[in-house]
Amino acid sequence: MSDAAEKLPNNGHGTIPKGLIPWKPGQSGNPSGFNVMHSMMRRVREATNNGQDLIDVLKELLADNNPVVRLKACEMLWDRGWGKPKEPKDEAGTHKTWDISKLSADKQQELINVLKVILGV
């Protein structure tokens, strides 16, 4: 072990890098309150006409020839417009999942048509 590593304090999870001052329990690790995600979301909204440009792209993809592309656009619009549904659980409490890519082409098209009506496309 190097002399420098021996002089660094140990936080119970390994040595603390030199110059880093760990906070104490109950103390905020972000005392200034700056939230990087809020800043990023604000910039994305400003750059995309408050998200309308992104919606327009997804609406265009609903007319794509590839059913996988159409289905993914539907999924993204649905998840962001109404929120992702909570995963249903079976009697044992484990999550059930549905793979919509396993739907027949007719059922996929039916789902796309329903979402187009909802979105007014």
PDB file of N, CA and C in Angstrom:
ATOM      1  N   MET A   1       0.840  -1.176   0.000  1.00  0.00           N
ATOM      2  CA  MET A   1       0.000   0.000   0.000  1.00  0.00           C
ATOM      3  C   MET A   1       0.883   1.236   0.000  1.00  0.00           C
ATOM      4  N   SER A   2       0.521   2.237  -0.796  1.00  0.00           N
ATOM      5  CA  SER A   2       1.353   3.434  -0.870  1.00  0.00           C
ATOM      6  C   SER A   2       1.177   4.289   0.379  1.00  0.00           C
ATOM      7  N   ASP A   3       2.156   5.174   0.616  1.00  0.00           N
ATOM      8  CA  ASP A   3       2.071   6.075   1.769  1.00  0.00           C
ATOM      9  C   ASP A   3       0.860   6.989   1.655  1.00  0.00           C
ATOM     10  N   ALA A   4       0.536   7.449   0.433  1.00  0.00           N
ATOM     11  CA  ALA A   4      -0.592   8.354   0.242  1.00  0.00           C
ATOM     12  C   ALA A   4      -1.898   7.663   0.599  1.00  0.00           C
ATOM     13  N   ALA A   5      -2.048   6.398   0.197  1.00  0.00           N
ATOM     14  CA  ALA A   5      -3.278   5.666   0.486  1.00  0.00           C
ATOM     15  C   ALA A   5      -3.420   5.413   1.984  1.00  0.00           C
ATOM     16  N   GLU A   6      -2.290   5.210   2.675  1.00  0.00           N
ATOM     17  CA  GLU A   6      -2.352   4.964   4.108  1.00  0.00           C
ATOM     18  C   GLU A   6      -2.818   6.199   4.865  1.00  0.00           C
ATOM     19  N   LYS A   7      -2.577   7.383   4.353  1.00  0.00           N
ATOM     20  CA  LYS A   7      -2.934   8.625   5.040  1.00  0.00           C
ATOM     21  C   LYS A   7      -4.394   9.022   4.815  1.00  0.00           C
ATOM     22  N   LEU A   8      -5.058   8.391   3.832  1.00  0.00           N
ATOM     23  CA  LEU A   8      -6.447   8.727   3.561  1.00  0.00           C
ATOM     24  C   LEU A   8      -7.363   8.029   4.553  1.00  0.00           C
ATOM     25  N   PRO A   9      -8.425   8.718   5.028  1.00  0.00           N
ATOM     26  CA  PRO A   9      -9.341   8.086   5.969  1.00  0.00           C
ATOM     27  C   PRO A   9     -10.170   7.014   5.267  1.00  0.00           C
ATOM     28  N   ASN A  10     -10.695   6.109   6.051  1.00  0.00           N
ATOM     29  CA  ASN A  10     -11.515   5.034   5.526  1.00  0.00           C
ATOM     30  C   ASN A  10     -12.953   5.279   5.954  1.00  0.00           C
ATOM     31  N   ASN A  11     -13.889   5.207   4.998  1.00  0.00           N
ATOM     32  CA  ASN A  11     -15.295   5.451   5.316  1.00  0.00           C
ATOM     33  C   ASN A  11     -16.071   4.159   5.536  1.00  0.00           C
ATOM     34  N   GLY A  12     -15.397   3.050   5.660  1.00  0.00           N
ATOM     35  CA  GLY A  12     -16.056   1.766   5.832  1.00  0.00           C
ATOM     36  C   GLY A  12     -16.305   1.068   4.508  1.00  0.00           C
ATOM     37  N   HIS A  13     -16.164   1.799   3.408  1.00  0.00           N
ATOM     38  CA  HIS A  13     -16.353   1.234   2.071  1.00  0.00           C
ATOM     39  C   HIS A  13     -15.078   1.361   1.249  1.00  0.00           C
ATOM     40  N   GLY A  14     -14.009   1.695   1.880  1.00  0.00           N
ATOM     41  CA  GLY A  14     -12.754   1.907   1.179  1.00  0.00           C
ATOM     42  C   GLY A  14     -12.212   3.278   1.537  1.00  0.00           C
ATOM     43  N   THR A  15     -11.119   3.636   0.938  1.00  0.00           N
ATOM     44  CA  THR A  15     -10.526   4.929   1.260  1.00  0.00           C
ATOM     45  C   THR A  15     -11.264   6.052   0.552  1.00  0.00           C
ATOM     46  N   ILE A  16     -11.268   7.199   1.181  1.00  0.00           N
ATOM     47  CA  ILE A  16     -11.908   8.385   0.621  1.00  0.00           C
ATOM     48  C   ILE A  16     -10.865   9.128  -0.202  1.00  0.00           C
ATOM     49  N   PRO A  17     -11.179   9.421  -1.467  1.00  0.00           N
ATOM     50  CA  PRO A  17     -10.208  10.135  -2.302  1.00  0.00           C
ATOM     51  C   PRO A  17      -9.796  11.464  -1.678  1.00  0.00           C
ATOM     52  N   LYS A  18      -8.526  11.804  -1.856  1.00  0.00           N
ATOM     53  CA  LYS A  18      -7.972  13.035  -1.298  1.00  0.00           C
ATOM     54  C   LYS A  18      -8.736  14.234  -1.843  1.00  0.00           C
ATOM     55  N   GLY A  19      -9.071  15.162  -0.985  1.00  0.00           N
ATOM     56  CA  GLY A  19      -9.782  16.371  -1.382  1.00  0.00           C
ATOM     57  C   GLY A  19     -11.294  16.240  -1.278  1.00  0.00           C
ATOM     58  N   LEU A  20     -11.800  15.027  -1.136  1.00  0.00           N
ATOM     59  CA  LEU A  20     -13.242  14.818  -1.013  1.00  0.00           C
ATOM     60  C   LEU A  20     -13.603  14.849   0.457  1.00  0.00           C
ATOM     61  N   ILE A  21     -14.565  15.683   0.799  1.00  0.00           N
ATOM     62  CA  ILE A  21     -14.997  15.777   2.185  1.00  0.00           C
ATOM     63  C   ILE A  21     -16.366  15.109   2.280  1.00  0.00           C
ATOM     64  N   PRO A  22     -16.433  13.930   2.879  1.00  0.00           N
ATOM     65  CA  PRO A  22     -17.726  13.240   2.972  1.00  0.00           C
ATOM     66  C   PRO A  22     -18.670  13.976   3.921  1.00  0.00           C
ATOM     67  N   TRP A  23     -19.961  13.916   3.628  1.00  0.00           N
ATOM     68  CA  TRP A  23     -20.908  14.562   4.523  1.00  0.00           C
ATOM     69  C   TRP A  23     -21.283  13.617   5.648  1.00  0.00           C
ATOM     70  N   LYS A  24     -21.786  14.189   6.695  1.00  0.00           N
ATOM     71  CA  LYS A  24     -22.149  13.420   7.877  1.00  0.00           C
ATOM     72  C   LYS A  24     -23.577  12.898   7.718  1.00  0.00           C
ATOM     73  N   PRO A  25     -23.943  11.847   8.444  1.00  0.00           N
ATOM     74  CA  PRO A  25     -25.317  11.354   8.387  1.00  0.00           C
ATOM     75  C   PRO A  25     -26.300  12.476   8.707  1.00  0.00           C
ATOM     76  N   GLY A  26     -27.349  12.584   7.889  1.00  0.00           N
ATOM     77  CA  GLY A  26     -28.350  13.632   8.067  1.00  0.00           C
ATOM     78  C   GLY A  26     -28.013  14.923   7.352  1.00  0.00           C
ATOM     79  N   GLN A  27     -26.810  15.031   6.825  1.00  0.00           N
ATOM     80  CA  GLN A  27     -26.389  16.229   6.102  1.00  0.00           C
ATOM     81  C   GLN A  27     -26.613  15.985   4.612  1.00  0.00           C
ATOM     82  N   SER A  28     -27.092  17.004   3.921  1.00  0.00           N
ATOM     83  CA  SER A  28     -27.353  16.872   2.495  1.00  0.00           C
ATOM     84  C   SER A  28     -26.052  16.772   1.715  1.00  0.00           C
ATOM     85  N   GLY A  29     -26.038  15.904   0.714  1.00  0.00           N
ATOM     86  CA  GLY A  29     -24.905  15.810  -0.191  1.00  0.00           C
ATOM     87  C   GLY A  29     -25.004  16.851  -1.288  1.00  0.00           C
ATOM     88  N   ASN A  30     -26.115  17.580  -1.318  1.00  0.00           N
ATOM     89  CA  ASN A  30     -26.359  18.605  -2.326  1.00  0.00           C
ATOM     90  C   ASN A  30     -26.923  19.841  -1.620  1.00  0.00           C
ATOM     91  N   PRO A  31     -26.101  20.504  -0.778  1.00  0.00           N
ATOM     92  CA  PRO A  31     -26.622  21.600   0.035  1.00  0.00           C
ATOM     93  C   PRO A  31     -27.120  22.800  -0.769  1.00  0.00           C
ATOM     94  N   SER A  32     -26.603  23.011  -1.956  1.00  0.00           N
ATOM     95  CA  SER A  32     -27.054  24.159  -2.750  1.00  0.00           C
ATOM     96  C   SER A  32     -28.410  23.895  -3.376  1.00  0.00           C
ATOM     97  N   GLY A  33     -28.813  22.627  -3.433  1.00  0.00           N
ATOM     98  CA  GLY A  33     -30.112  22.275  -3.975  1.00  0.00           C
ATOM     99  C   GLY A  33     -30.172  22.264  -5.492  1.00  0.00           C
ATOM    100  N   PHE A  34     -29.064  22.432  -6.173  1.00  0.00           N
ATOM    101  CA  PHE A  34     -29.072  22.437  -7.638  1.00  0.00           C
ATOM    102  C   PHE A  34     -29.429  21.055  -8.141  1.00  0.00           C
ATOM    103  N   ASN A  35     -30.429  20.992  -8.989  1.00  0.00           N
ATOM    104  CA  ASN A  35     -30.882  19.716  -9.523  1.00  0.00           C
ATOM    105  C   ASN A  35     -30.545  19.671 -11.004  1.00  0.00           C
ATOM    106  N   VAL A  36     -29.604  18.828 -11.367  1.00  0.00           N
ATOM    107  CA  VAL A  36     -29.143  18.727 -12.746  1.00  0.00           C
ATOM    108  C   VAL A  36     -30.283  18.293 -13.667  1.00  0.00           C
ATOM    109  N   MET A  37     -31.131  17.365 -13.214  1.00  0.00           N
ATOM    110  CA  MET A  37     -32.224  16.878 -14.053  1.00  0.00           C
ATOM    111  C   MET A  37     -33.217  17.981 -14.385  1.00  0.00           C
ATOM    112  N   HIS A  38     -33.550  18.836 -13.413  1.00  0.00           N
ATOM    113  CA  HIS A  38     -34.474  19.935 -13.698  1.00  0.00           C
ATOM    114  C   HIS A  38     -33.871  20.874 -14.726  1.00  0.00           C
ATOM    115  N   SER A  39     -32.589  21.125 -14.618  1.00  0.00           N
ATOM    116  CA  SER A  39     -31.901  21.988 -15.574  1.00  0.00           C
ATOM    117  C   SER A  39     -31.935  21.360 -16.966  1.00  0.00           C
ATOM    118  N   MET A  40     -31.679  20.064 -17.048  1.00  0.00           N
ATOM    119  CA  MET A  40     -31.683  19.371 -18.332  1.00  0.00           C
ATOM    120  C   MET A  40     -33.090  19.346 -18.925  1.00  0.00           C
ATOM    121  N   MET A  41     -34.093  19.059 -18.099  1.00  0.00           N
ATOM    122  CA  MET A  41     -35.474  19.032 -18.594  1.00  0.00           C
ATOM    123  C   MET A  41     -35.885  20.407 -19.130  1.00  0.00           C
ATOM    124  N   ARG A  42     -35.479  21.444 -18.436  1.00  0.00           N
ATOM    125  CA  ARG A  42     -35.806  22.800 -18.879  1.00  0.00           C
ATOM    126  C   ARG A  42     -35.181  23.067 -20.247  1.00  0.00           C
ATOM    127  N   ARG A  43     -33.921  22.664 -20.428  1.00  0.00           N
ATOM    128  CA  ARG A  43     -33.248  22.896 -21.710  1.00  0.00           C
ATOM    129  C   ARG A  43     -33.876  22.080 -22.839  1.00  0.00           C
ATOM    130  N   VAL A  44     -34.285  20.850 -22.543  1.00  0.00           N
ATOM    131  CA  VAL A  44     -34.944  20.027 -23.559  1.00  0.00           C
ATOM    132  C   VAL A  44     -36.269  20.664 -23.953  1.00  0.00           C
ATOM    133  N   ARG A  45     -37.039  21.121 -22.972  1.00  0.00           N
ATOM    134  CA  ARG A  45     -38.312  21.781 -23.282  1.00  0.00           C
ATOM    135  C   ARG A  45     -38.095  23.011 -24.154  1.00  0.00           C
ATOM    136  N   GLU A  46     -37.099  23.800 -23.818  1.00  0.00           N
ATOM    137  CA  GLU A  46     -36.824  25.011 -24.598  1.00  0.00           C
ATOM    138  C   GLU A  46     -36.399  24.667 -26.027  1.00  0.00           C
ATOM    139  N   ALA A  47     -35.621  23.601 -26.184  1.00  0.00           N
ATOM    140  CA  ALA A  47     -35.091  23.238 -27.503  1.00  0.00           C
ATOM    141  C   ALA A  47     -36.115  22.525 -28.378  1.00  0.00           C
ATOM    142  N   THR A  48     -37.208  22.027 -27.774  1.00  0.00           N
ATOM    143  CA  THR A  48     -38.168  21.227 -28.535  1.00  0.00           C
ATOM    144  C   THR A  48     -39.575  21.808 -28.511  1.00  0.00           C
ATOM    145  N   ASN A  49     -39.665  23.132 -28.378  1.00  0.00           N
ATOM    146  CA  ASN A  49     -40.979  23.779 -28.393  1.00  0.00           C
ATOM    147  C   ASN A  49     -41.869  23.149 -27.321  1.00  0.00           C
ATOM    148  N   ASN A  50     -41.336  23.072 -26.106  1.00  0.00           N
ATOM    149  CA  ASN A  50     -42.017  22.496 -24.952  1.00  0.00           C
ATOM    150  C   ASN A  50     -42.411  21.037 -25.186  1.00  0.00           C
ATOM    151  N   GLY A  51     -41.617  20.317 -25.976  1.00  0.00           N
ATOM    152  CA  GLY A  51     -41.841  18.902 -26.235  1.00  0.00           C
ATOM    153  C   GLY A  51     -42.695  18.616 -27.461  1.00  0.00           C
ATOM    154  N   GLN A  52     -43.313  19.656 -28.041  1.00  0.00           N
ATOM    155  CA  GLN A  52     -44.194  19.440 -29.192  1.00  0.00           C
ATOM    156  C   GLN A  52     -43.432  18.858 -30.379  1.00  0.00           C
ATOM    157  N   ASP A  53     -42.188  19.283 -30.587  1.00  0.00           N
ATOM    158  CA  ASP A  53     -41.389  18.739 -31.698  1.00  0.00           C
ATOM    159  C   ASP A  53     -41.182  17.226 -31.536  1.00  0.00           C
ATOM    160  N   LEU A  54     -40.982  16.791 -30.309  1.00  0.00           N
ATOM    161  CA  LEU A  54     -40.800  15.357 -30.052  1.00  0.00           C
ATOM    162  C   LEU A  54     -42.094  14.598 -30.331  1.00  0.00           C
ATOM    163  N   ILE A  55     -43.200  15.162 -29.921  1.00  0.00           N
ATOM    164  CA  ILE A  55     -44.503  14.532 -30.181  1.00  0.00           C
ATOM    165  C   ILE A  55     -44.747  14.450 -31.682  1.00  0.00           C
ATOM    166  N   ASP A  56     -44.406  15.507 -32.408  1.00  0.00           N
ATOM    167  CA  ASP A  56     -44.604  15.519 -33.860  1.00  0.00           C
ATOM    168  C   ASP A  56     -43.808  14.408 -34.543  1.00  0.00           C
ATOM    169  N   VAL A  57     -42.579  14.185 -34.092  1.00  0.00           N
ATOM    170  CA  VAL A  57     -41.759  13.109 -34.667  1.00  0.00           C
ATOM    171  C   VAL A  57     -42.426  11.763 -34.409  1.00  0.00           C
ATOM    172  N   LEU A  58     -42.892  11.546 -33.177  1.00  0.00           N
ATOM    173  CA  LEU A  58     -43.542  10.271 -32.861  1.00  0.00           C
ATOM    174  C   LEU A  58     -44.832  10.095 -33.657  1.00  0.00           C
ATOM    175  N   LYS A  59     -45.558  11.182 -33.865  1.00  0.00           N
ATOM    176  CA  LYS A  59     -46.789  11.097 -34.670  1.00  0.00           C
ATOM    177  C   LYS A  59     -46.463  10.722 -36.114  1.00  0.00           C
ATOM    178  N   GLU A  60     -45.365  11.246 -36.648  1.00  0.00           N
ATOM    179  CA  GLU A  60     -44.938  10.872 -38.000  1.00  0.00           C
ATOM    180  C   GLU A  60     -44.594   9.391 -38.071  1.00  0.00           C
ATOM    181  N   LEU A  61     -43.971   8.877 -36.999  1.00  0.00           N
ATOM    182  CA  LEU A  61     -43.572   7.466 -36.979  1.00  0.00           C
ATOM    183  C   LEU A  61     -44.774   6.530 -36.931  1.00  0.00           C
ATOM    184  N   LEU A  62     -45.934   7.034 -36.511  1.00  0.00           N
ATOM    185  CA  LEU A  62     -47.139   6.203 -36.505  1.00  0.00           C
ATOM    186  C   LEU A  62     -47.551   5.795 -37.916  1.00  0.00           C
ATOM    187  N   ALA A  63     -47.072   6.522 -38.937  1.00  0.00           N
ATOM    188  CA  ALA A  63     -47.402   6.206 -40.326  1.00  0.00           C
ATOM    189  C   ALA A  63     -46.300   5.409 -41.021  1.00  0.00           C
ATOM    190  N   ASP A  64     -45.260   5.025 -40.266  1.00  0.00           N
ATOM    191  CA  ASP A  64     -44.145   4.286 -40.852  1.00  0.00           C
ATOM    192  C   ASP A  64     -44.614   2.941 -41.398  1.00  0.00           C
ATOM    193  N   ASN A  65     -43.952   2.444 -42.429  1.00  0.00           N
ATOM    194  CA  ASN A  65     -44.302   1.145 -43.018  1.00  0.00           C
ATOM    195  C   ASN A  65     -43.950  -0.031 -42.114  1.00  0.00           C
ATOM    196  N   ASN A  66     -42.979   0.163 -41.245  1.00  0.00           N
ATOM    197  CA  ASN A  66     -42.522  -0.909 -40.375  1.00  0.00           C
ATOM    198  C   ASN A  66     -43.430  -0.977 -39.136  1.00  0.00           C
ATOM    199  N   PRO A  67     -44.128  -2.106 -38.930  1.00  0.00           N
ATOM    200  CA  PRO A  67     -45.024  -2.196 -37.780  1.00  0.00           C
ATOM    201  C   PRO A  67     -44.302  -2.101 -36.435  1.00  0.00           C
ATOM    202  N   VAL A  68     -43.050  -2.509 -36.389  1.00  0.00           N
ATOM    203  CA  VAL A  68     -42.282  -2.415 -35.144  1.00  0.00           C
ATOM    204  C   VAL A  68     -42.048  -0.945 -34.788  1.00  0.00           C
ATOM    205  N   VAL A  69     -41.737  -0.127 -35.794  1.00  0.00           N
ATOM    206  CA  VAL A  69     -41.535   1.310 -35.575  1.00  0.00           C
ATOM    207  C   VAL A  69     -42.844   1.945 -35.120  1.00  0.00           C
ATOM    208  N   ARG A  70     -43.941   1.595 -35.796  1.00  0.00           N
ATOM    209  CA  ARG A  70     -45.250   2.152 -35.426  1.00  0.00           C
ATOM    210  C   ARG A  70     -45.612   1.772 -33.995  1.00  0.00           C
ATOM    211  N   LEU A  71     -45.380   0.520 -33.651  1.00  0.00           N
ATOM    212  CA  LEU A  71     -45.717   0.041 -32.323  1.00  0.00           C
ATOM    213  C   LEU A  71     -44.873   0.732 -31.249  1.00  0.00           C
ATOM    214  N   LYS A  72     -43.599   0.939 -31.522  1.00  0.00           N
ATOM    215  CA  LYS A  72     -42.722   1.622 -30.552  1.00  0.00           C
ATOM    216  C   LYS A  72     -43.159   3.070 -30.376  1.00  0.00           C
ATOM    217  N   ALA A  73     -43.552   3.734 -31.475  1.00  0.00           N
ATOM    218  CA  ALA A  73     -44.038   5.108 -31.379  1.00  0.00           C
ATOM    219  C   ALA A  73     -45.305   5.153 -30.533  1.00  0.00           C
ATOM    220  N   CYS A  74     -46.197   4.187 -30.741  1.00  0.00           N
ATOM    221  CA  CYS A  74     -47.418   4.101 -29.933  1.00  0.00           C
ATOM    222  C   CYS A  74     -47.064   3.938 -28.459  1.00  0.00           C
ATOM    223  N   GLU A  75     -46.155   3.028 -28.203  1.00  0.00           N
ATOM    224  CA  GLU A  75     -45.754   2.746 -26.819  1.00  0.00           C
ATOM    225  C   GLU A  75     -45.181   3.999 -26.157  1.00  0.00           C
ATOM    226  N   MET A  76     -44.325   4.718 -26.873  1.00  0.00           N
ATOM    227  CA  MET A  76     -43.702   5.913 -26.299  1.00  0.00           C
ATOM    228  C   MET A  76     -44.736   7.002 -26.045  1.00  0.00           C
ATOM    229  N   LEU A  77     -45.651   7.210 -26.992  1.00  0.00           N
ATOM    230  CA  LEU A  77     -46.697   8.216 -26.796  1.00  0.00           C
ATOM    231  C   LEU A  77     -47.603   7.820 -25.636  1.00  0.00           C
ATOM    232  N   TRP A  78     -47.966   6.562 -25.585  1.00  0.00           N
ATOM    233  CA  TRP A  78     -48.849   6.086 -24.527  1.00  0.00           C
ATOM    234  C   TRP A  78     -48.178   6.250 -23.158  1.00  0.00           C
ATOM    235  N   ASP A  79     -46.947   5.773 -23.030  1.00  0.00           N
ATOM    236  CA  ASP A  79     -46.242   5.841 -21.750  1.00  0.00           C
ATOM    237  C   ASP A  79     -46.067   7.273 -21.271  1.00  0.00           C
ATOM    238  N   ARG A  80     -45.783   8.182 -22.188  1.00  0.00           N
ATOM    239  CA  ARG A  80     -45.526   9.556 -21.786  1.00  0.00           C
ATOM    240  C   ARG A  80     -46.811  10.370 -21.640  1.00  0.00           C
ATOM    241  N   GLY A  81     -47.854   9.962 -22.351  1.00  0.00           N
ATOM    242  CA  GLY A  81     -49.114  10.688 -22.256  1.00  0.00           C
ATOM    243  C   GLY A  81     -49.958  10.283 -21.062  1.00  0.00           C
ATOM    244  N   TRP A  82     -49.936   8.994 -20.744  1.00  0.00           N
ATOM    245  CA  TRP A  82     -50.781   8.491 -19.668  1.00  0.00           C
ATOM    246  C   TRP A  82     -49.987   7.829 -18.563  1.00  0.00           C
ATOM    247  N   GLY A  83     -48.685   7.767 -18.719  1.00  0.00           N
ATOM    248  CA  GLY A  83     -47.841   7.133 -17.717  1.00  0.00           C
ATOM    249  C   GLY A  83     -47.776   5.632 -17.940  1.00  0.00           C
ATOM    250  N   LYS A  84     -46.651   5.064 -17.571  1.00  0.00           N
ATOM    251  CA  LYS A  84     -46.505   3.614 -17.720  1.00  0.00           C
ATOM    252  C   LYS A  84     -47.447   2.944 -16.725  1.00  0.00           C
ATOM    253  N   PRO A  85     -48.133   1.918 -17.179  1.00  0.00           N
ATOM    254  CA  PRO A  85     -49.024   1.230 -16.245  1.00  0.00           C
ATOM    255  C   PRO A  85     -48.214   0.472 -15.205  1.00  0.00           C
ATOM    256  N   LYS A  86     -48.806   0.324 -14.034  1.00  0.00           N
ATOM    257  CA  LYS A  86     -48.142  -0.483 -13.012  1.00  0.00           C
ATOM    258  C   LYS A  86     -48.145  -1.924 -13.485  1.00  0.00           C
ATOM    259  N   GLU A  87     -47.050  -2.594 -13.216  1.00  0.00           N
ATOM    260  CA  GLU A  87     -46.937  -3.989 -13.624  1.00  0.00           C
ATOM    261  C   GLU A  87     -47.948  -4.818 -12.846  1.00  0.00           C
ATOM    262  N   PRO A  88     -48.804  -5.531 -13.544  1.00  0.00           N
ATOM    263  CA  PRO A  88     -49.745  -6.397 -12.820  1.00  0.00           C
ATOM    264  C   PRO A  88     -49.005  -7.562 -12.170  1.00  0.00           C
ATOM    265  N   LYS A  89     -49.544  -8.013 -11.066  1.00  0.00           N
ATOM    266  CA  LYS A  89     -48.913  -9.129 -10.355  1.00  0.00           C
ATOM    267  C   LYS A  89     -49.873 -10.304 -10.317  1.00  0.00           C
ATOM    268  N   ASP A  90     -49.302 -11.482 -10.340  1.00  0.00           N
ATOM    269  CA  ASP A  90     -50.135 -12.678 -10.203  1.00  0.00           C
ATOM    270  C   ASP A  90     -50.350 -12.974  -8.720  1.00  0.00           C
ATOM    271  N   GLU A  91     -50.989 -14.084  -8.424  1.00  0.00           N
ATOM    272  CA  GLU A  91     -51.323 -14.434  -7.045  1.00  0.00           C
ATOM    273  C   GLU A  91     -50.084 -14.532  -6.158  1.00  0.00           C
ATOM    274  N   ALA A  92     -48.966 -14.928  -6.739  1.00  0.00           N
ATOM    275  CA  ALA A  92     -47.730 -15.090  -5.962  1.00  0.00           C
ATOM    276  C   ALA A  92     -47.018 -13.764  -5.735  1.00  0.00           C
ATOM    277  N   GLY A  93     -47.537 -12.682  -6.336  1.00  0.00           N
ATOM    278  CA  GLY A  93     -46.917 -11.373  -6.158  1.00  0.00           C
ATOM    279  C   GLY A  93     -45.816 -11.073  -7.146  1.00  0.00           C
ATOM    280  N   THR A  94     -45.615 -11.967  -8.124  1.00  0.00           N
ATOM    281  CA  THR A  94     -44.583 -11.703  -9.122  1.00  0.00           C
ATOM    282  C   THR A  94     -45.196 -10.923 -10.284  1.00  0.00           C
ATOM    283  N   HIS A  95     -44.386 -10.143 -10.944  1.00  0.00           N
ATOM    284  CA  HIS A  95     -44.866  -9.290 -12.030  1.00  0.00           C
ATOM    285  C   HIS A  95     -45.214 -10.103 -13.268  1.00  0.00           C
ATOM    286  N   LYS A  96     -46.357  -9.767 -13.847  1.00  0.00           N
ATOM    287  CA  LYS A  96     -46.730 -10.316 -15.146  1.00  0.00           C
ATOM    288  C   LYS A  96     -46.267  -9.313 -16.191  1.00  0.00           C
ATOM    289  N   THR A  97     -45.871  -9.781 -17.326  1.00  0.00           N
ATOM    290  CA  THR A  97     -45.514  -8.869 -18.411  1.00  0.00           C
ATOM    291  C   THR A  97     -46.169  -9.338 -19.697  1.00  0.00           C
ATOM    292  N   TRP A  98     -46.383  -8.384 -20.594  1.00  0.00           N
ATOM    293  CA  TRP A  98     -46.923  -8.694 -21.907  1.00  0.00           C
ATOM    294  C   TRP A  98     -45.951  -8.190 -22.945  1.00  0.00           C
ATOM    295  N   ASP A  99     -45.643  -9.030 -23.875  1.00  0.00           N
ATOM    296  CA  ASP A  99     -44.750  -8.656 -24.966  1.00  0.00           C
ATOM    297  C   ASP A  99     -45.624  -8.357 -26.178  1.00  0.00           C
ATOM    298  N   ILE A 100     -45.866  -7.054 -26.428  1.00  0.00           N
ATOM    299  CA  ILE A 100     -46.780  -6.688 -27.513  1.00  0.00           C
ATOM    300  C   ILE A 100     -46.216  -7.029 -28.880  1.00  0.00           C
ATOM    301  N   SER A 101     -44.924  -7.299 -28.963  1.00  0.00           N
ATOM    302  CA  SER A 101     -44.357  -7.699 -30.251  1.00  0.00           C
ATOM    303  C   SER A 101     -44.827  -9.101 -30.640  1.00  0.00           C
ATOM    304  N   LYS A 102     -45.363  -9.840 -29.671  1.00  0.00           N
ATOM    305  CA  LYS A 102     -45.858 -11.188 -29.961  1.00  0.00           C
ATOM    306  C   LYS A 102     -47.308 -11.172 -30.451  1.00  0.00           C
ATOM    307  N   LEU A 103     -47.921  -9.979 -30.476  1.00  0.00           N
ATOM    308  CA  LEU A 103     -49.274  -9.879 -31.006  1.00  0.00           C
ATOM    309  C   LEU A 103     -49.247 -10.132 -32.506  1.00  0.00           C
ATOM    310  N   SER A 104     -50.361 -10.615 -33.021  1.00  0.00           N
ATOM    311  CA  SER A 104     -50.460 -10.804 -34.470  1.00  0.00           C
ATOM    312  C   SER A 104     -50.398  -9.440 -35.143  1.00  0.00           C
ATOM    313  N   ALA A 105     -50.085  -9.444 -36.420  1.00  0.00           N
ATOM    314  CA  ALA A 105     -50.020  -8.184 -37.172  1.00  0.00           C
ATOM    315  C   ALA A 105     -51.365  -7.471 -37.127  1.00  0.00           C
ATOM    316  N   ASP A 106     -52.461  -8.212 -37.178  1.00  0.00           N
ATOM    317  CA  ASP A 106     -53.794  -7.604 -37.103  1.00  0.00           C
ATOM    318  C   ASP A 106     -54.018  -6.916 -35.767  1.00  0.00           C
ATOM    319  N   LYS A 107     -53.620  -7.570 -34.684  1.00  0.00           N
ATOM    320  CA  LYS A 107     -53.793  -6.987 -33.348  1.00  0.00           C
ATOM    321  C   LYS A 107     -52.886  -5.771 -33.162  1.00  0.00           C
ATOM    322  N   GLN A 108     -51.663  -5.835 -33.707  1.00  0.00           N
ATOM    323  CA  GLN A 108     -50.770  -4.675 -33.634  1.00  0.00           C
ATOM    324  C   GLN A 108     -51.396  -3.496 -34.372  1.00  0.00           C
ATOM    325  N   GLN A 109     -51.939  -3.758 -35.562  1.00  0.00           N
ATOM    326  CA  GLN A 109     -52.564  -2.688 -36.342  1.00  0.00           C
ATOM    327  C   GLN A 109     -53.785  -2.134 -35.619  1.00  0.00           C
ATOM    328  N   GLU A 110     -54.539  -3.003 -34.972  1.00  0.00           N
ATOM    329  CA  GLU A 110     -55.709  -2.561 -34.208  1.00  0.00           C
ATOM    330  C   GLU A 110     -55.285  -1.629 -33.078  1.00  0.00           C
ATOM    331  N   LEU A 111     -54.220  -1.981 -32.380  1.00  0.00           N
ATOM    332  CA  LEU A 111     -53.696  -1.131 -31.309  1.00  0.00           C
ATOM    333  C   LEU A 111     -53.240   0.212 -31.864  1.00  0.00           C
ATOM    334  N   ILE A 112     -52.554   0.188 -32.982  1.00  0.00           N
ATOM    335  CA  ILE A 112     -52.091   1.420 -33.620  1.00  0.00           C
ATOM    336  C   ILE A 112     -53.290   2.287 -34.001  1.00  0.00           C
ATOM    337  N   ASN A 113     -54.315   1.688 -34.568  1.00  0.00           N
ATOM    338  CA  ASN A 113     -55.504   2.447 -34.976  1.00  0.00           C
ATOM    339  C   ASN A 113     -56.199   3.094 -33.774  1.00  0.00           C
ATOM    340  N   VAL A 114     -56.286   2.370 -32.681  1.00  0.00           N
ATOM    341  CA  VAL A 114     -56.894   2.923 -31.466  1.00  0.00           C
ATOM    342  C   VAL A 114     -56.102   4.129 -30.988  1.00  0.00           C
ATOM    343  N   LEU A 115     -54.787   4.002 -30.954  1.00  0.00           N
ATOM    344  CA  LEU A 115     -53.951   5.117 -30.483  1.00  0.00           C
ATOM    345  C   LEU A 115     -54.031   6.302 -31.450  1.00  0.00           C
ATOM    346  N   LYS A 116     -54.149   6.051 -32.734  1.00  0.00           N
ATOM    347  CA  LYS A 116     -54.288   7.138 -33.707  1.00  0.00           C
ATOM    348  C   LYS A 116     -55.571   7.914 -33.450  1.00  0.00           C
ATOM    349  N   VAL A 117     -56.649   7.198 -33.130  1.00  0.00           N
ATOM    350  CA  VAL A 117     -57.911   7.862 -32.841  1.00  0.00           C
ATOM    351  C   VAL A 117     -57.765   8.718 -31.584  1.00  0.00           C
ATOM    352  N   ILE A 118     -57.136   8.145 -30.554  1.00  0.00           N
ATOM    353  CA  ILE A 118     -56.940   8.870 -29.297  1.00  0.00           C
ATOM    354  C   ILE A 118     -56.111  10.121 -29.540  1.00  0.00           C
ATOM    355  N   LEU A 119     -55.067  10.021 -30.353  1.00  0.00           N
ATOM    356  CA  LEU A 119     -54.156  11.147 -30.601  1.00  0.00           C
ATOM    357  C   LEU A 119     -54.665  12.093 -31.684  1.00  0.00           C
ATOM    358  N   GLY A 120     -55.712  11.701 -32.377  1.00  0.00           N
ATOM    359  CA  GLY A 120     -56.235  12.563 -33.437  1.00  0.00           C
ATOM    360  C   GLY A 120     -55.334  12.602 -34.649  1.00  0.00           C
ATOM    361  N   VAL A 121     -54.679  11.502 -34.959  1.00  0.00           N
ATOM    362  CA  VAL A 121     -53.760  11.446 -36.094  1.00  0.00           C
ATOM    363  C   VAL A 121     -54.493  10.932 -37.317  1.00  0.00           C
TER     364      VAL A 121
END
